[in-house]
Amino acid sequence: MASALSERLSRLVKSMRGQARITESNVQDMLREVRMALLEADVALPVVRDFVARVKDRALGAEVANSLSPGQVLVSIVHKELAATMGAGISDINLATQPPAVILMAGLQGAGKTTTTAKLAKHLIERRKKKVLTVSADVYRPAAIEQLKTVTKQAGAEWFPSTPDQKPHDIALAAIDYARKHFFDVLLVDTAGRLAIDEALMAEIRDLHATLKPIETLFVVDAMQGQDAINTAKAFKEALPLTGIVLTKLDGDSRGGAALSVRQITGAPIKFAGVSEKIDGLEVFDAERHAGRVLGMGDIVALVEEVQRGVDIDAARKLADKVKSGEHFDLNDFLAQISQMKKMGGLGGLLDKLPAELAAKAGQADMGKAEKDVRRMEGIIHSMTPLERRKPDLIKASRKRRIAAGAGVQVQEVNRMLNQFEQMRDMMKKMKGGGMMKMMKRLAGKKGMPGMGGMGF
């Protein structure tokens, strides 16, 4: 995520909160810092000028001058203008047409078009309940066709075959004919990319657009490209009537300039953001929430959604029933809890959505070690026999040595994991006995949950 931009703006926000009153002088100081933060993040100069002018007009207005907490109002203004720059509100995919709705994916090679095509297919299947077909019109890179076949299968969609000796125009016609005959709701067309913009690429994609008449033409851009993203956006805007933008690699160490620039340069709304390499790592873009992340305010809504998606409600209910009935909490249950956390993006993924101050208190610097600890614990449990997982009390010295050898760790690590499991099991027993509220009150004064200390919780 736009770490450098976030850091700079977060420091600025913190310093402005301490201001007792707003003057033209300290507004100028603030704007200078904002300008530097945006330029360092590779935001296009015209966008920076426009942004700074809008913030200045509002900051020197009556709403700040008469405020009892001018620092907070300034933070609010920066947040609102960041969101406005990226396009206020949410702009989801448009499928209001006679099926199949054709979506054309455009962008340079390496921007993540092929993976994004599969991610979008999964999104449309799961969130919009659509029957989706994908096809690759990239005949210049044979690996692209095979890659789309692989990721489409992972997404649960259907793939239409194409070969490098075919013409993109013919592939498009065959795919849309197949989609109509087999009653597909959506056809996703992955197009060829180049390492740089050239006329041959633009002529080809213009022809595809004319042939397919897509309801959506999505420009896929790498958020780490910086100023290059602006030049690419201009070229594609001139060649195609873009209806939306997909920002990829927002989870990388990018400076974040693309997110603040492409919306204004193209005039097309940012519709999706790629937030991880996983096939489900695509989010509907919400400018206000992204602005909050950039300012270090976190994204609690996204965190809640992540938990809702990642938690297996049936499994959680079964575990609760098991504990209530008096059955023992075993290592299979412990492993299931670890798996649930991984589905939610791991510790790092969850902390990334917390406000900066909370994330720091949670020990973000130790996340790398904590993630390794979690993986090590998984490896140790996987090295056990089914009987040992069901009856951990059987695990004595000789079994510990065998498990340690199987997991590639020292015996001390096995002992440490078993101690953490014991603490978790004790906690479950207290829950069974109706002491849940008492236990929670005791935990409120402690740093973390029992049994999770070694995991960085």
Protein backbone atom coordinates (compact mmCIF):
# COMPACT_ATOMS: atom_id res chain seq x y z
CA MET A 1 0.00 0.00 0.00
CA ALA A 2 1.15 3.58 -0.63
CA SER A 3 3.53 3.43 2.34
CA ALA A 4 5.71 6.49 1.64
CA LEU A 5 2.70 8.71 0.96
CA SER A 6 0.90 7.33 4.01
CA GLU A 7 3.86 7.99 6.30
CA ARG A 8 4.35 11.57 5.18
CA LEU A 9 0.66 12.48 5.32
CA SER A 10 0.23 10.70 8.67
CA ARG A 11 3.03 12.82 10.20
CA LEU A 12 1.42 15.94 8.75
CA VAL A 13 -1.99 15.01 10.13
CA LYS A 14 -0.48 14.43 13.59
CA SER A 15 1.29 17.82 13.61
CA MET A 16 -1.84 19.68 12.47
CA ARG A 17 -3.93 18.18 15.26
CA GLY A 18 -1.85 20.15 17.74
CA GLN A 19 -2.64 23.52 16.16
CA ALA A 20 -4.76 25.76 18.37
CA ARG A 21 -5.95 27.98 15.52
CA ILE A 22 -5.64 28.14 11.77
CA THR A 23 -3.72 30.98 10.16
CA GLU A 24 -2.65 31.63 6.59
CA SER A 25 0.93 30.92 7.69
CA ASN A 26 0.38 27.44 9.09
CA VAL A 27 -1.96 26.57 6.22
CA GLN A 28 0.90 27.42 3.84
CA ASP A 29 3.24 25.20 5.88
CA MET A 30 0.72 22.38 5.68
CA LEU A 31 0.23 22.80 1.94
CA ARG A 32 3.99 22.75 1.35
CA GLU A 33 4.19 19.39 3.12
CA VAL A 34 1.18 18.06 1.21
CA ARG A 35 2.73 19.16 -2.09
CA MET A 36 6.06 17.44 -1.27
CA ALA A 37 4.31 14.26 -0.11
CA LEU A 38 2.30 14.03 -3.33
CA LEU A 39 5.25 14.78 -5.63
CA GLU A 40 7.39 12.19 -3.85
CA ALA A 41 4.56 9.70 -4.39
CA ASP A 42 4.82 10.31 -8.17
CA VAL A 43 1.47 12.07 -8.41
CA ALA A 44 1.21 14.02 -11.70
CA LEU A 45 2.05 17.72 -11.30
CA PRO A 46 -1.30 19.03 -12.69
CA VAL A 47 -3.12 16.79 -10.21
CA VAL A 48 -0.96 18.08 -7.33
CA ARG A 49 -1.62 21.72 -8.26
CA ASP A 50 -5.36 21.16 -8.48
CA PHE A 51 -5.45 19.22 -5.19
CA VAL A 52 -3.43 21.82 -3.26
CA ALA A 53 -5.58 24.68 -4.61
CA ARG A 54 -8.80 22.96 -3.50
CA VAL A 55 -7.43 22.21 -0.02
CA LYS A 56 -6.24 25.83 0.36
CA ASP A 57 -9.63 27.28 -0.62
CA ARG A 58 -11.45 25.13 1.91
CA ALA A 59 -8.80 25.48 4.67
CA LEU A 60 -8.98 29.28 4.63
CA GLY A 61 -12.78 29.24 4.56
CA ALA A 62 -15.16 30.00 7.41
CA GLU A 63 -15.70 26.31 8.27
CA VAL A 64 -12.13 26.13 9.63
CA ALA A 65 -11.78 29.61 11.04
CA ASN A 66 -14.84 29.22 13.25
CA SER A 67 -14.08 25.65 14.31
CA LEU A 68 -13.23 24.74 17.91
CA SER A 69 -10.88 22.00 16.64
CA PRO A 70 -9.28 23.38 13.46
CA GLY A 71 -6.68 20.59 13.32
CA GLN A 72 -9.43 17.97 13.02
CA VAL A 73 -11.22 19.99 10.36
CA LEU A 74 -8.01 20.23 8.32
CA VAL A 75 -7.55 16.47 8.54
CA SER A 76 -11.14 16.09 7.34
CA ILE A 77 -10.55 18.45 4.40
CA VAL A 78 -7.41 16.57 3.25
CA HIS A 79 -9.31 13.29 3.56
CA LYS A 80 -12.31 14.56 1.55
CA GLU A 81 -10.16 16.06 -1.19
CA LEU A 82 -8.05 12.89 -1.47
CA ALA A 83 -11.28 10.93 -1.92
CA ALA A 84 -12.61 13.46 -4.46
CA THR A 85 -9.37 13.24 -6.47
CA MET A 86 -9.74 9.47 -6.72
CA GLY A 87 -13.48 9.74 -7.48
CA ALA A 88 -15.99 9.97 -4.65
CA GLY A 89 -18.30 7.02 -4.07
CA ILE A 90 -18.21 3.49 -5.46
CA SER A 91 -18.50 2.64 -9.16
CA ASP A 92 -19.18 -1.06 -9.61
CA ILE A 93 -19.14 -2.99 -12.87
CA ASN A 94 -21.96 -2.33 -15.35
CA LEU A 95 -23.70 -5.46 -16.69
CA ALA A 96 -26.94 -3.81 -17.86
CA THR A 97 -26.99 -5.19 -21.41
CA GLN A 98 -28.22 -8.17 -23.41
CA PRO A 99 -26.06 -11.15 -22.36
CA PRO A 100 -23.28 -11.81 -22.78
CA ALA A 101 -21.96 -8.57 -21.28
CA VAL A 102 -18.50 -8.16 -22.85
CA ILE A 103 -15.71 -6.70 -20.71
CA LEU A 104 -12.48 -5.74 -22.51
CA MET A 105 -9.28 -5.71 -20.41
CA ALA A 106 -6.63 -3.23 -21.63
CA GLY A 107 -3.17 -2.25 -20.39
CA LEU A 108 0.56 -2.75 -20.76
CA GLN A 109 2.35 -6.08 -20.35
CA GLY A 110 3.25 -6.70 -16.71
CA ALA A 111 0.38 -4.62 -15.30
CA GLY A 112 -1.42 -7.80 -14.21
CA LYS A 113 -4.19 -7.99 -16.84
CA THR A 114 -4.35 -11.79 -17.04
CA THR A 115 -4.48 -12.34 -13.28
CA THR A 116 -6.95 -9.46 -12.90
CA THR A 117 -9.19 -11.04 -15.56
CA ALA A 118 -9.44 -14.22 -13.44
CA LYS A 119 -9.92 -12.21 -10.22
CA LEU A 120 -12.77 -10.29 -11.86
CA ALA A 121 -14.29 -13.58 -13.04
CA LYS A 122 -14.28 -14.86 -9.45
CA HIS A 123 -15.78 -11.60 -8.21
CA LEU A 124 -18.62 -11.79 -10.77
CA ILE A 125 -19.30 -15.45 -9.97
CA GLU A 126 -19.35 -15.01 -6.18
CA ARG A 127 -20.76 -11.50 -5.74
CA ARG A 128 -23.01 -11.14 -8.80
CA LYS A 129 -23.87 -14.85 -9.33
CA LYS A 130 -22.93 -14.72 -13.03
CA LYS A 131 -21.89 -17.44 -15.48
CA VAL A 132 -18.50 -16.23 -16.77
CA LEU A 133 -16.38 -17.12 -19.83
CA THR A 134 -12.81 -15.88 -20.35
CA VAL A 135 -10.73 -15.75 -23.53
CA SER A 136 -7.20 -14.59 -24.34
CA ALA A 137 -6.59 -12.50 -27.47
CA ASP A 138 -2.87 -12.25 -26.65
CA VAL A 139 -1.37 -14.22 -29.57
CA TYR A 140 2.11 -12.77 -29.12
CA ARG A 141 2.84 -14.39 -25.78
CA PRO A 142 1.79 -18.09 -25.83
CA ALA A 143 2.34 -18.31 -22.08
CA ALA A 144 -0.43 -15.74 -21.59
CA ILE A 145 -3.04 -18.10 -23.07
CA GLU A 146 -1.96 -20.95 -20.78
CA GLN A 147 -1.76 -18.61 -17.81
CA LEU A 148 -5.34 -17.45 -18.37
CA LYS A 149 -6.47 -21.09 -18.66
CA THR A 150 -4.85 -21.89 -15.28
CA VAL A 151 -6.13 -18.87 -13.34
CA THR A 152 -9.61 -19.14 -14.89
CA LYS A 153 -9.86 -22.68 -13.52
CA GLN A 154 -8.83 -21.39 -10.07
CA ALA A 155 -11.55 -18.73 -10.30
CA GLY A 156 -14.23 -21.30 -11.12
CA ALA A 157 -15.05 -19.79 -14.54
CA GLU A 158 -14.92 -21.36 -18.02
CA TRP A 159 -12.05 -20.73 -20.45
CA PHE A 160 -12.46 -20.44 -24.23
CA PRO A 161 -9.41 -21.87 -26.08
CA SER A 162 -7.32 -19.77 -28.46
CA THR A 163 -3.96 -20.34 -30.17
CA PRO A 164 -1.01 -18.10 -31.17
CA ASP A 165 -1.63 -18.72 -34.91
CA GLN A 166 -5.09 -17.14 -34.77
CA LYS A 167 -5.91 -13.47 -35.33
CA PRO A 168 -7.26 -11.57 -32.27
CA HIS A 169 -10.26 -10.43 -34.39
CA ASP A 170 -11.19 -14.07 -35.20
CA ILE A 171 -10.70 -15.18 -31.58
CA ALA A 172 -13.07 -12.44 -30.42
CA LEU A 173 -15.80 -13.40 -32.90
CA ALA A 174 -15.53 -17.12 -32.04
CA ALA A 175 -15.62 -16.43 -28.28
CA ILE A 176 -18.68 -14.19 -28.39
CA ASP A 177 -20.50 -16.68 -30.63
CA TYR A 178 -19.73 -19.49 -28.14
CA ALA A 179 -20.81 -17.28 -25.20
CA ARG A 180 -24.18 -16.57 -26.86
CA LYS A 181 -24.85 -20.20 -27.77
CA HIS A 182 -24.00 -21.44 -24.27
CA PHE A 183 -25.88 -18.68 -22.39
CA PHE A 184 -22.97 -17.03 -20.60
CA ASP A 185 -23.77 -13.84 -18.68
CA VAL A 186 -20.30 -12.30 -19.05
CA LEU A 187 -17.39 -12.63 -21.50
CA LEU A 188 -14.04 -11.34 -20.22
CA VAL A 189 -11.51 -10.64 -23.00
CA ASP A 190 -7.82 -10.48 -22.01
CA THR A 191 -5.92 -8.46 -24.64
CA ALA A 192 -2.26 -8.31 -25.64
CA GLY A 193 0.08 -5.93 -23.87
CA ARG A 194 3.43 -4.48 -24.83
CA LEU A 195 6.38 -3.33 -22.76
CA ALA A 196 5.63 0.17 -24.08
CA ILE A 197 2.86 1.93 -26.00
CA ASP A 198 3.01 1.40 -29.80
CA GLU A 199 0.65 2.05 -32.69
CA ALA A 200 0.25 -1.65 -33.56
CA LEU A 201 -1.09 -2.38 -30.06
CA MET A 202 -3.50 0.55 -30.19
CA ALA A 203 -4.78 -0.33 -33.68
CA GLU A 204 -5.39 -3.93 -32.62
CA ILE A 205 -7.28 -3.05 -29.44
CA ARG A 206 -9.37 -0.44 -31.31
CA ASP A 207 -10.37 -3.19 -33.76
CA LEU A 208 -11.28 -5.54 -30.90
CA HIS A 209 -13.38 -2.81 -29.33
CA ALA A 210 -15.23 -2.19 -32.59
CA THR A 211 -15.79 -5.94 -33.06
CA LEU A 212 -16.98 -6.76 -29.53
CA LYS A 213 -18.74 -3.49 -28.61
CA PRO A 214 -17.99 -4.08 -24.90
CA ILE A 215 -20.23 -2.74 -22.14
CA GLU A 216 -17.05 -2.14 -20.08
CA THR A 217 -13.52 -1.29 -21.23
CA LEU A 218 -11.27 -1.54 -18.16
CA PHE A 219 -7.78 -0.06 -18.09
CA VAL A 220 -5.53 -2.18 -15.88
CA VAL A 221 -2.65 -0.16 -14.45
CA ASP A 222 0.18 -1.07 -12.08
CA ALA A 223 -0.01 1.21 -9.00
CA MET A 224 3.79 1.00 -8.71
CA GLN A 225 4.41 2.61 -12.13
CA GLY A 226 4.31 6.19 -10.89
CA GLN A 227 4.63 8.79 -13.65
CA ASP A 228 4.72 6.08 -16.34
CA ALA A 229 1.16 5.16 -15.36
CA ILE A 230 0.06 8.69 -16.28
CA ASN A 231 1.59 8.52 -19.77
CA THR A 232 0.06 5.08 -20.36
CA ALA A 233 -3.34 6.28 -19.13
CA LYS A 234 -3.27 9.22 -21.56
CA ALA A 235 -2.44 6.95 -24.53
CA PHE A 236 -5.21 4.45 -23.76
CA LYS A 237 -7.72 7.22 -23.12
CA GLU A 238 -7.03 8.62 -26.60
CA ALA A 239 -7.34 5.16 -28.21
CA LEU A 240 -10.38 3.79 -26.34
CA PRO A 241 -13.53 5.01 -24.58
CA LEU A 242 -12.43 3.74 -21.16
CA THR A 243 -15.26 3.04 -18.71
CA GLY A 244 -13.19 2.14 -15.67
CA ILE A 245 -9.78 1.56 -14.11
CA VAL A 246 -8.37 -1.38 -12.18
CA LEU A 247 -5.37 -0.55 -9.97
CA THR A 248 -3.13 -3.57 -9.36
CA LYS A 249 -0.39 -4.21 -6.78
CA LEU A 250 -1.79 -1.79 -4.21
CA ASP A 251 -0.38 -4.19 -1.60
CA GLY A 252 3.15 -3.62 -2.88
CA ASP A 253 5.68 -1.03 -1.72
CA SER A 254 4.31 1.55 -4.14
CA ARG A 255 4.35 5.29 -3.69
CA GLY A 256 0.67 5.46 -4.51
CA GLY A 257 0.80 8.18 -7.16
CA ALA A 258 -1.16 6.19 -9.73
CA ALA A 259 -4.24 5.96 -7.50
CA LEU A 260 -4.33 9.75 -7.16
CA SER A 261 -3.57 10.51 -10.81
CA VAL A 262 -5.24 8.09 -13.23
CA ARG A 263 -8.78 9.05 -12.23
CA GLN A 264 -8.20 12.70 -13.05
CA ILE A 265 -6.13 12.04 -16.19
CA THR A 266 -8.58 9.58 -17.79
CA GLY A 267 -11.86 10.82 -16.37
CA ALA A 268 -12.80 7.15 -15.84
CA PRO A 269 -13.71 5.89 -12.35
CA ILE A 270 -11.45 3.49 -10.45
CA LYS A 271 -13.67 0.41 -10.17
CA PHE A 272 -11.40 -2.21 -8.61
CA ALA A 273 -8.15 -2.52 -6.69
CA GLY A 274 -5.86 -5.56 -6.59
CA VAL A 275 -4.86 -5.99 -2.94
CA SER A 276 -3.04 -9.34 -3.01
CA GLU A 277 -1.73 -11.96 -5.41
CA LYS A 278 -4.45 -14.42 -4.38
CA ILE A 279 -7.30 -15.14 -6.79
CA ASP A 280 -9.75 -13.45 -4.39
CA GLY A 281 -7.47 -10.42 -3.91
CA LEU A 282 -9.71 -7.94 -5.74
CA GLU A 283 -11.76 -5.27 -3.97
CA VAL A 284 -14.43 -2.90 -5.27
CA PHE A 285 -12.62 0.45 -5.00
CA ASP A 286 -13.97 2.88 -2.44
CA ALA A 287 -12.23 6.27 -2.71
CA GLU A 288 -13.13 7.40 0.82
CA ARG A 289 -11.85 4.21 2.41
CA HIS A 290 -8.65 4.28 0.34
CA ALA A 291 -8.09 7.92 1.32
CA GLY A 292 -8.41 6.81 4.96
CA ARG A 293 -5.71 4.19 4.43
CA VAL A 294 -3.39 6.71 2.76
CA LEU A 295 -3.81 9.05 5.75
CA GLY A 296 -3.04 6.22 8.19
CA MET A 297 -6.64 6.06 9.41
CA GLY A 298 -6.95 2.41 8.45
CA ASP A 299 -9.94 0.70 6.86
CA ILE A 300 -12.06 -0.93 9.54
CA VAL A 301 -14.90 -1.64 7.07
CA ALA A 302 -12.52 -3.68 4.90
CA LEU A 303 -11.27 -5.47 8.03
CA VAL A 304 -14.82 -6.46 9.00
CA GLU A 305 -15.51 -7.65 5.44
CA GLU A 306 -12.28 -9.68 5.48
CA VAL A 307 -13.33 -11.37 8.72
CA GLN A 308 -16.83 -12.09 7.38
CA ARG A 309 -15.39 -13.64 4.21
CA GLY A 310 -12.63 -15.57 5.97
CA VAL A 311 -14.52 -17.02 8.92
CA ASP A 312 -16.26 -20.33 8.31
CA ILE A 313 -19.47 -19.80 10.31
CA ASP A 314 -20.40 -23.51 10.26
CA ALA A 315 -16.96 -24.51 11.53
CA ALA A 316 -17.11 -21.87 14.29
CA ARG A 317 -20.57 -23.10 15.34
CA LYS A 318 -19.39 -26.74 15.42
CA LEU A 319 -16.43 -25.77 17.61
CA ALA A 320 -18.74 -23.88 20.00
CA ASP A 321 -21.09 -26.88 20.21
CA LYS A 322 -18.12 -29.18 20.79
CA VAL A 323 -16.83 -27.06 23.68
CA LYS A 324 -20.30 -26.77 25.23
CA SER A 325 -20.86 -30.53 25.10
CA GLY A 326 -17.70 -31.10 27.12
CA GLU A 327 -15.62 -32.58 24.31
CA HIS A 328 -11.94 -31.74 24.39
CA PHE A 329 -10.44 -28.99 22.26
CA ASP A 330 -7.75 -30.87 20.30
CA LEU A 331 -4.92 -30.04 17.91
CA ASN A 332 -7.19 -30.42 14.88
CA ASP A 333 -9.29 -27.56 16.30
CA PHE A 334 -6.14 -25.55 17.02
CA LEU A 335 -4.97 -26.04 13.42
CA ALA A 336 -8.40 -24.96 12.15
CA GLN A 337 -8.10 -21.67 14.08
CA ILE A 338 -4.71 -21.00 12.47
CA SER A 339 -6.17 -21.73 9.01
CA GLN A 340 -9.05 -19.30 9.62
CA MET A 341 -6.59 -16.53 10.39
CA LYS A 342 -4.61 -17.26 7.21
CA LYS A 343 -7.81 -17.05 5.14
CA MET A 344 -8.26 -13.51 6.45
CA GLY A 345 -4.89 -12.48 5.00
CA GLY A 346 -2.69 -13.39 7.96
CA LEU A 347 -1.56 -11.04 10.72
CA GLY A 348 0.05 -8.57 8.33
CA GLY A 349 -3.06 -8.38 6.14
CA LEU A 350 -5.28 -7.66 9.12
CA LEU A 351 -2.95 -5.06 10.65
CA ASP A 352 -2.66 -3.24 7.33
CA LYS A 353 -6.33 -2.29 7.67
CA LEU A 354 -5.97 -0.94 11.22
CA PRO A 355 -5.31 2.76 11.88
CA ALA A 356 -1.55 3.47 11.90
CA GLU A 357 -1.37 4.10 15.66
CA LEU A 358 -3.21 0.87 16.52
CA ALA A 359 -1.09 -1.11 14.07
CA ALA A 360 2.07 0.26 15.70
CA LYS A 361 0.81 -0.70 19.16
CA ALA A 362 0.03 -4.19 17.90
CA GLY A 363 3.70 -4.62 17.09
CA GLN A 364 3.73 -4.33 13.32
CA ALA A 365 7.53 -4.49 13.34
CA ASP A 366 7.31 -8.06 14.64
CA MET A 367 4.82 -9.23 12.00
CA GLY A 368 7.46 -11.05 9.99
CA LYS A 369 8.48 -13.12 13.02
CA ALA A 370 4.85 -13.72 14.01
CA GLU A 371 3.96 -15.00 10.54
CA LYS A 372 6.95 -17.37 10.66
CA ASP A 373 5.82 -18.64 14.07
CA VAL A 374 2.37 -19.38 12.67
CA ARG A 375 3.82 -21.32 9.72
CA ARG A 376 6.13 -23.24 12.07
CA MET A 377 3.20 -24.23 14.28
CA GLU A 378 1.31 -25.46 11.23
CA GLY A 379 4.31 -27.54 10.17
CA ILE A 380 4.62 -29.12 13.61
CA ILE A 381 0.94 -30.14 13.74
CA HIS A 382 1.08 -31.52 10.19
CA SER A 383 4.01 -33.73 11.29
CA MET A 384 1.80 -35.47 13.86
CA THR A 385 -0.29 -38.59 13.33
CA PRO A 386 -4.11 -38.27 13.34
CA LEU A 387 -4.16 -40.01 16.73
CA GLU A 388 -1.66 -37.54 18.21
CA ARG A 389 -3.74 -34.62 17.01
CA ARG A 390 -6.86 -36.05 18.62
CA LYS A 391 -5.04 -37.03 21.84
CA PRO A 392 -2.17 -34.57 22.46
CA ASP A 393 -1.53 -36.11 25.91
CA LEU A 394 0.07 -39.08 24.13
CA ILE A 395 2.91 -36.89 22.89
CA LYS A 396 5.89 -37.73 25.10
CA ALA A 397 9.67 -37.43 24.56
CA SER A 398 10.15 -39.98 21.74
CA ARG A 399 7.13 -38.72 19.81
CA LYS A 400 8.32 -35.11 20.23
CA ARG A 401 11.70 -36.03 18.70
CA ARG A 402 9.99 -37.67 15.71
CA ILE A 403 7.60 -34.72 15.22
CA ALA A 404 10.47 -32.20 15.48
CA ALA A 405 12.49 -34.12 12.86
CA GLY A 406 9.47 -34.28 10.55
CA ALA A 407 8.81 -30.54 10.85
CA GLY A 408 12.50 -29.58 10.62
CA VAL A 409 12.54 -27.84 14.01
CA GLN A 410 14.08 -28.34 17.46
CA VAL A 411 12.23 -30.28 20.19
CA GLN A 412 11.99 -27.01 22.15
CA GLU A 413 9.79 -25.60 19.38
CA VAL A 414 7.43 -28.58 19.71
CA ASN A 415 7.27 -28.02 23.49
CA ARG A 416 6.57 -24.32 22.95
CA MET A 417 3.72 -25.03 20.52
CA LEU A 418 2.20 -27.62 22.90
CA ASN A 419 2.35 -25.10 25.78
CA GLN A 420 0.49 -22.55 23.67
CA PHE A 421 -2.08 -25.19 22.76
CA GLU A 422 -2.52 -26.07 26.47
CA GLN A 423 -3.21 -22.43 27.31
CA MET A 424 -5.80 -22.25 24.53
CA ARG A 425 -7.40 -25.49 25.75
CA ASP A 426 -7.60 -24.10 29.30
CA MET A 427 -9.32 -21.02 27.93
CA MET A 428 -11.85 -23.22 26.12
CA LYS A 429 -12.58 -25.12 29.37
CA LYS A 430 -13.35 -21.82 31.12
CA MET A 431 -15.74 -20.92 28.31
CA LYS A 432 -17.53 -24.23 28.80
CA GLY A 433 -17.91 -23.58 32.50
CA GLY A 434 -19.77 -20.31 31.91
CA GLY A 435 -16.82 -18.22 33.01
CA MET A 436 -16.61 -16.40 29.71
CA MET A 437 -17.28 -12.91 31.10
CA LYS A 438 -14.89 -13.36 34.01
CA MET A 439 -12.21 -14.59 31.63
CA MET A 440 -12.72 -11.61 29.28
CA LYS A 441 -12.43 -9.16 32.20
CA ARG A 442 -9.14 -10.77 33.22
CA LEU A 443 -7.89 -10.65 29.64
CA ALA A 444 -8.78 -6.97 29.29
CA GLY A 445 -5.83 -6.09 31.52
CA LYS A 446 -3.40 -8.28 29.60
CA LYS A 447 -1.52 -7.60 26.37
CA GLY A 448 -2.82 -10.54 24.34
CA MET A 449 -4.85 -13.69 24.30
CA PRO A 450 -3.50 -16.70 26.20
CA GLY A 451 -1.60 -19.03 23.96
CA MET A 452 -0.94 -16.34 21.36
CA GLY A 453 1.98 -14.57 22.97
CA GLY A 454 4.52 -16.46 20.90
CA MET A 455 2.57 -15.71 17.74
CA GLY A 456 2.82 -11.96 18.06
CA PHE A 457 -0.83 -11.41 19.08
